[in-house]
Amino acid sequence: MPGQVLKFSVTVNGEKKVIEWMVQSDMYNNAWLFCTKSKSRAWFKNDGNLHYFSHFEGNRKSLLFYFILGLTK
């Protein structure tokens, strides 16, 4: 749902961090996840049976990038 905020608590190199992703969409109903820390975006679609990412823009060392690599389709 657009406006939803997803928060993750992760440990990186012994340091605890909170990662926040926001679900956003445009007037054409294209939806994406926006990482507030890395300013990265990952566009996704759901056809009713399959949830998949279609495009990524931003930092390729961010948690969001690794997330979409693991969940491409």
C-alpha atoms as a PDB file:
ATOM      1  CA  MET A   1       0.000   0.000   0.000  1.00  0.00           C
ATOM      2  CA  PRO A   2       1.407   3.430  -0.843  1.00  0.00           C
ATOM      3  CA  GLY A   3       2.449   5.270   2.287  1.00  0.00           C
ATOM      4  CA  GLN A   4       3.336   2.107   4.189  1.00  0.00           C
ATOM      5  CA  VAL A   5       6.688   2.209   6.005  1.00  0.00           C
ATOM      6  CA  LEU A   6       8.792  -0.927   6.485  1.00  0.00           C
ATOM      7  CA  LYS A   7      11.438  -0.815   9.213  1.00  0.00           C
ATOM      8  CA  PHE A   8      14.241  -3.334   9.656  1.00  0.00           C
ATOM      9  CA  SER A   9      16.738  -3.668  12.452  1.00  0.00           C
ATOM     10  CA  VAL A  10      19.992  -5.121  11.111  1.00  0.00           C
ATOM     11  CA  THR A  11      23.484  -5.676  12.450  1.00  0.00           C
ATOM     12  CA  VAL A  12      26.337  -4.734  10.111  1.00  0.00           C
ATOM     13  CA  ASN A  13      29.915  -5.272  11.286  1.00  0.00           C
ATOM     14  CA  GLY A  14      28.704  -5.474  14.882  1.00  0.00           C
ATOM     15  CA  GLU A  15      26.807  -2.183  14.624  1.00  0.00           C
ATOM     16  CA  LYS A  16      23.016  -2.177  14.930  1.00  0.00           C
ATOM     17  CA  LYS A  17      21.211  -0.062  12.307  1.00  0.00           C
ATOM     18  CA  VAL A  18      17.588   0.691  11.520  1.00  0.00           C
ATOM     19  CA  ILE A  19      16.700   0.628   7.834  1.00  0.00           C
ATOM     20  CA  GLU A  20      13.483   2.285   6.663  1.00  0.00           C
ATOM     21  CA  TRP A  21      11.757   1.680   3.333  1.00  0.00           C
ATOM     22  CA  MET A  22       8.686   3.554   2.150  1.00  0.00           C
ATOM     23  CA  VAL A  23       6.162   2.286  -0.408  1.00  0.00           C
ATOM     24  CA  GLN A  24       5.412   4.981  -2.969  1.00  0.00           C
ATOM     25  CA  SER A  25       3.453   5.137  -6.226  1.00  0.00           C
ATOM     26  CA  ASP A  26       2.702   7.559  -9.047  1.00  0.00           C
ATOM     27  CA  MET A  27      -0.478   8.483 -10.907  1.00  0.00           C
ATOM     28  CA  TYR A  28      -0.009   5.517 -13.277  1.00  0.00           C
ATOM     29  CA  ASN A  29      -0.049   3.104 -10.311  1.00  0.00           C
ATOM     30  CA  ASN A  30       3.660   2.255 -10.689  1.00  0.00           C
ATOM     31  CA  ALA A  31       4.862   1.284  -7.212  1.00  0.00           C
ATOM     32  CA  TRP A  32       8.362   1.320  -5.731  1.00  0.00           C
ATOM     33  CA  LEU A  33      10.218   0.910  -2.473  1.00  0.00           C
ATOM     34  CA  PHE A  34      12.275   3.931  -1.425  1.00  0.00           C
ATOM     35  CA  CYS A  35      15.173   3.522   1.003  1.00  0.00           C
ATOM     36  CA  THR A  36      15.448   6.667   3.129  1.00  0.00           C
ATOM     37  CA  LYS A  37      19.099   5.979   4.018  1.00  0.00           C
ATOM     38  CA  SER A  38      20.599   5.228   0.582  1.00  0.00           C
ATOM     39  CA  LYS A  39      17.992   7.152  -1.480  1.00  0.00           C
ATOM     40  CA  SER A  40      17.613   4.024  -3.661  1.00  0.00           C
ATOM     41  CA  ARG A  41      14.422   2.935  -5.418  1.00  0.00           C
ATOM     42  CA  ALA A  42      13.188  -0.496  -6.491  1.00  0.00           C
ATOM     43  CA  TRP A  43      10.091  -0.679  -8.714  1.00  0.00           C
ATOM     44  CA  PHE A  44       7.846  -3.693  -8.246  1.00  0.00           C
ATOM     45  CA  LYS A  45       4.721  -5.247  -9.709  1.00  0.00           C
ATOM     46  CA  ASN A  46       2.198  -7.836  -8.660  1.00  0.00           C
ATOM     47  CA  ASP A  47       0.084  -9.533 -11.331  1.00  0.00           C
ATOM     48  CA  GLY A  48      -2.122 -11.343  -8.829  1.00  0.00           C
ATOM     49  CA  ASN A  49       0.010 -14.489  -8.787  1.00  0.00           C
ATOM     50  CA  LEU A  50       3.567 -13.240  -8.898  1.00  0.00           C
ATOM     51  CA  HIS A  51       5.332 -10.400  -7.096  1.00  0.00           C
ATOM     52  CA  TYR A  52       8.475  -9.183  -8.861  1.00  0.00           C
ATOM     53  CA  PHE A  53      10.897  -6.277  -9.118  1.00  0.00           C
ATOM     54  CA  SER A  54      11.242  -4.656 -12.529  1.00  0.00           C
ATOM     55  CA  HIS A  55      13.827  -1.907 -12.053  1.00  0.00           C
ATOM     56  CA  PHE A  56      16.378  -0.603  -9.563  1.00  0.00           C
ATOM     57  CA  GLU A  57      17.946   2.833  -9.284  1.00  0.00           C
ATOM     58  CA  GLY A  58      20.497   3.856  -6.673  1.00  0.00           C
ATOM     59  CA  ASN A  59      23.268   2.477  -4.490  1.00  0.00           C
ATOM     60  CA  ARG A  60      24.191  -1.093  -5.446  1.00  0.00           C
ATOM     61  CA  LYS A  61      25.697  -1.667  -1.996  1.00  0.00           C
ATOM     62  CA  SER A  62      22.432  -0.901  -0.194  1.00  0.00           C
ATOM     63  CA  LEU A  63      20.301  -3.462   1.613  1.00  0.00           C
ATOM     64  CA  LEU A  64      17.478  -2.740  -0.842  1.00  0.00           C
ATOM     65  CA  PHE A  65      19.642  -3.813  -3.795  1.00  0.00           C
ATOM     66  CA  TYR A  66      20.571  -7.094  -2.101  1.00  0.00           C
ATOM     67  CA  PHE A  67      16.904  -7.609  -1.212  1.00  0.00           C
ATOM     68  CA  ILE A  68      15.768  -7.388  -4.842  1.00  0.00           C
ATOM     69  CA  LEU A  69      18.597  -9.660  -5.982  1.00  0.00           C
ATOM     70  CA  GLY A  70      17.264 -12.345  -3.674  1.00  0.00           C
ATOM     71  CA  LEU A  71      13.620 -11.769  -4.614  1.00  0.00           C
ATOM     72  CA  THR A  72      13.727 -10.989  -8.337  1.00  0.00           C
ATOM     73  CA  LYS A  73      10.678 -13.231  -9.033  1.00  0.00           C
END
